């Protein structure tokens, strides 16, 4: 199920017409890394992994929607970064990936 969420995010990013090609490529690389890290995390912390995947999906949705609502993107990105709180020590790579995704999405100029 978690892998399905990330696959849906990847599809949404791939099909986003308004996203610059460089940003799209960066996000797809980060999502591939996220998929791997969340897969590993789900073996020991399924609820945390699910939370990360859901907030990543919400963030991607808000960043790629036709009618932009910056306050919703900000809320989704905040949830995404908070979803890895407490995992910094046990999963530093995951934390780094999530932070890079949040920065990339927030820098899209929305």
C-alpha atoms as a PDB file:
ATOM      1  CA  UNK A   1       0.000   0.000   0.000  1.00  0.00           C
ATOM      2  CA  UNK A   2       2.794   2.424   0.868  1.00  0.00           C
ATOM      3  CA  UNK A   3       4.591   1.598  -2.368  1.00  0.00           C
ATOM      4  CA  UNK A   4       1.306   2.277  -4.209  1.00  0.00           C
ATOM      5  CA  UNK A   5       1.137   5.776  -2.691  1.00  0.00           C
ATOM      6  CA  UNK A   6       4.629   6.552  -3.881  1.00  0.00           C
ATOM      7  CA  UNK A   7       3.902   5.132  -7.346  1.00  0.00           C
ATOM      8  CA  UNK A   8       0.871   7.448  -7.543  1.00  0.00           C
ATOM      9  CA  UNK A   9       3.051  10.407  -6.558  1.00  0.00           C
ATOM     10  CA  UNK A  10       5.567   9.482  -9.248  1.00  0.00           C
ATOM     11  CA  UNK A  11       2.792   9.299 -11.848  1.00  0.00           C
ATOM     12  CA  UNK A  12       1.423  12.672 -10.780  1.00  0.00           C
ATOM     13  CA  UNK A  13       4.859  14.279 -11.056  1.00  0.00           C
ATOM     14  CA  UNK A  14       5.538  12.607 -14.422  1.00  0.00           C
ATOM     15  CA  UNK A  15       2.216  13.908 -15.795  1.00  0.00           C
ATOM     16  CA  UNK A  16       2.597  17.424 -14.434  1.00  0.00           C
ATOM     17  CA  UNK A  17       2.664  19.707 -17.462  1.00  0.00           C
ATOM     18  CA  UNK A  18       3.617  22.909 -15.641  1.00  0.00           C
ATOM     19  CA  UNK A  19       6.633  21.589 -13.796  1.00  0.00           C
ATOM     20  CA  UNK A  20      10.091  22.454 -15.142  1.00  0.00           C
ATOM     21  CA  UNK A  21      11.931  19.406 -16.526  1.00  0.00           C
ATOM     22  CA  UNK A  22      14.841  19.790 -14.086  1.00  0.00           C
ATOM     23  CA  UNK A  23      12.518  19.957 -11.089  1.00  0.00           C
ATOM     24  CA  UNK A  24      10.569  16.969 -12.376  1.00  0.00           C
ATOM     25  CA  UNK A  25      13.766  14.926 -12.775  1.00  0.00           C
ATOM     26  CA  UNK A  26      14.962  15.915  -9.285  1.00  0.00           C
ATOM     27  CA  UNK A  27      11.639  14.953  -7.725  1.00  0.00           C
ATOM     28  CA  UNK A  28      11.497  11.623  -9.546  1.00  0.00           C
ATOM     29  CA  UNK A  29      14.998  10.779  -8.293  1.00  0.00           C
ATOM     30  CA  UNK A  30      14.043  11.775  -4.763  1.00  0.00           C
ATOM     31  CA  UNK A  31      10.834   9.745  -4.972  1.00  0.00           C
ATOM     32  CA  UNK A  32      12.789   6.675  -6.062  1.00  0.00           C
ATOM     33  CA  UNK A  33      15.036   7.117  -3.031  1.00  0.00           C
ATOM     34  CA  UNK A  34      11.993   7.714  -0.819  1.00  0.00           C
ATOM     35  CA  UNK A  35      10.418   4.508  -2.094  1.00  0.00           C
ATOM     36  CA  UNK A  36      13.476   2.539  -1.022  1.00  0.00           C
ATOM     37  CA  UNK A  37      13.778   4.199   2.383  1.00  0.00           C
ATOM     38  CA  UNK A  38      10.063   3.948   3.176  1.00  0.00           C
ATOM     39  CA  UNK A  39      10.108   0.295   2.145  1.00  0.00           C
ATOM     40  CA  UNK A  40      12.842  -0.373   4.670  1.00  0.00           C
ATOM     41  CA  UNK A  41      11.126   1.737   7.329  1.00  0.00           C
ATOM     42  CA  UNK A  42       7.795  -0.031   6.829  1.00  0.00           C
ATOM     43  CA  UNK A  43       9.375  -3.292   7.974  1.00  0.00           C
ATOM     44  CA  UNK A  44       9.880  -1.873  11.471  1.00  0.00           C
ATOM     45  CA  UNK A  45       7.695   1.256  11.641  1.00  0.00           C
ATOM     46  CA  UNK A  46       4.737   0.724   9.331  1.00  0.00           C
ATOM     47  CA  UNK A  47       2.650   3.567  10.732  1.00  0.00           C
ATOM     48  CA  UNK A  48       5.487   6.082  10.374  1.00  0.00           C
ATOM     49  CA  UNK A  49       6.204   4.927   6.821  1.00  0.00           C
ATOM     50  CA  UNK A  50       2.541   5.252   5.920  1.00  0.00           C
ATOM     51  CA  UNK A  51       2.435   8.769   7.341  1.00  0.00           C
ATOM     52  CA  UNK A  52       5.473   9.816   5.302  1.00  0.00           C
ATOM     53  CA  UNK A  53       3.948   8.365   2.118  1.00  0.00           C
ATOM     54  CA  UNK A  54       0.589  10.061   2.687  1.00  0.00           C
ATOM     55  CA  UNK A  55       2.068  13.474   3.403  1.00  0.00           C
ATOM     56  CA  UNK A  56       4.350  13.110   0.386  1.00  0.00           C
ATOM     57  CA  UNK A  57       1.268  12.378  -1.725  1.00  0.00           C
ATOM     58  CA  UNK A  58      -0.566  15.396  -0.320  1.00  0.00           C
ATOM     59  CA  UNK A  59       2.459  17.608  -0.948  1.00  0.00           C
ATOM     60  CA  UNK A  60       2.822  16.437  -4.544  1.00  0.00           C
ATOM     61  CA  UNK A  61      -0.905  16.901  -5.105  1.00  0.00           C
ATOM     62  CA  UNK A  62      -0.838  20.465  -3.826  1.00  0.00           C
ATOM     63  CA  UNK A  63       2.324  21.335  -5.763  1.00  0.00           C
ATOM     64  CA  UNK A  64       0.975  20.025  -9.074  1.00  0.00           C
ATOM     65  CA  UNK A  65      -2.673  21.070  -8.942  1.00  0.00           C
ATOM     66  CA  UNK A  66      -3.993  23.444 -11.577  1.00  0.00           C
ATOM     67  CA  UNK A  67      -5.438  25.963  -9.137  1.00  0.00           C
ATOM     68  CA  UNK A  68      -2.631  26.664  -6.699  1.00  0.00           C
ATOM     69  CA  UNK A  69      -3.409  27.122  -3.025  1.00  0.00           C
ATOM     70  CA  UNK A  70      -0.119  28.024  -1.324  1.00  0.00           C
ATOM     71  CA  UNK A  71      -1.553  27.642   2.177  1.00  0.00           C
ATOM     72  CA  UNK A  72      -2.511  24.020   1.445  1.00  0.00           C
ATOM     73  CA  UNK A  73       0.932  23.265   0.026  1.00  0.00           C
ATOM     74  CA  UNK A  74       2.513  24.799   3.106  1.00  0.00           C
ATOM     75  CA  UNK A  75       0.333  22.651   5.382  1.00  0.00           C
ATOM     76  CA  UNK A  76       1.125  19.483   3.409  1.00  0.00           C
ATOM     77  CA  UNK A  77       4.866  20.226   3.421  1.00  0.00           C
ATOM     78  CA  UNK A  78       4.755  20.904   7.146  1.00  0.00           C
ATOM     79  CA  UNK A  79       3.048  17.562   7.691  1.00  0.00           C
ATOM     80  CA  UNK A  80       5.625  15.862   5.495  1.00  0.00           C
ATOM     81  CA  UNK A  81       8.581  17.223   7.441  1.00  0.00           C
ATOM     82  CA  UNK A  82       6.897  16.521  10.781  1.00  0.00           C
ATOM     83  CA  UNK A  83       6.151  12.944   9.701  1.00  0.00           C
ATOM     84  CA  UNK A  84       9.858  12.147  10.052  1.00  0.00           C
ATOM     85  CA  UNK A  85      10.219  13.752  13.483  1.00  0.00           C
ATOM     86  CA  UNK A  86      11.867  11.293  15.801  1.00  0.00           C
ATOM     87  CA  UNK A  87      13.316   9.266  12.937  1.00  0.00           C
ATOM     88  CA  UNK A  88      16.439  11.380  12.423  1.00  0.00           C
ATOM     89  CA  UNK A  89      18.673   9.083  14.476  1.00  0.00           C
ATOM     90  CA  UNK A  90      17.364   5.756  13.199  1.00  0.00           C
ATOM     91  CA  UNK A  91      16.729   6.831   9.586  1.00  0.00           C
ATOM     92  CA  UNK A  92      18.909   9.826   8.693  1.00  0.00           C
ATOM     93  CA  UNK A  93      18.692   9.092   4.956  1.00  0.00           C
ATOM     94  CA  UNK A  94      14.891   9.171   5.053  1.00  0.00           C
ATOM     95  CA  UNK A  95      14.936  12.454   6.926  1.00  0.00           C
ATOM     96  CA  UNK A  96      17.335  13.946   4.400  1.00  0.00           C
ATOM     97  CA  UNK A  97      15.228  12.772   1.427  1.00  0.00           C
ATOM     98  CA  UNK A  98      12.000  14.124   2.926  1.00  0.00           C
ATOM     99  CA  UNK A  99      13.666  17.467   3.631  1.00  0.00           C
ATOM    100  CA  UNK A 100      14.965  17.659   0.049  1.00  0.00           C
ATOM    101  CA  UNK A 101      11.500  16.859  -1.334  1.00  0.00           C
ATOM    102  CA  UNK A 102       9.951  19.556   0.839  1.00  0.00           C
ATOM    103  CA  UNK A 103      12.538  22.128  -0.237  1.00  0.00           C
ATOM    104  CA  UNK A 104      12.168  21.221  -3.919  1.00  0.00           C
ATOM    105  CA  UNK A 105       8.388  21.544  -3.788  1.00  0.00           C
ATOM    106  CA  UNK A 106       8.470  24.755  -1.801  1.00  0.00           C
ATOM    107  CA  UNK A 107      10.991  26.284  -4.228  1.00  0.00           C
ATOM    108  CA  UNK A 108       8.661  25.790  -7.192  1.00  0.00           C
ATOM    109  CA  UNK A 109       7.568  29.390  -6.800  1.00  0.00           C
ATOM    110  CA  UNK A 110       4.055  28.676  -5.659  1.00  0.00           C
END
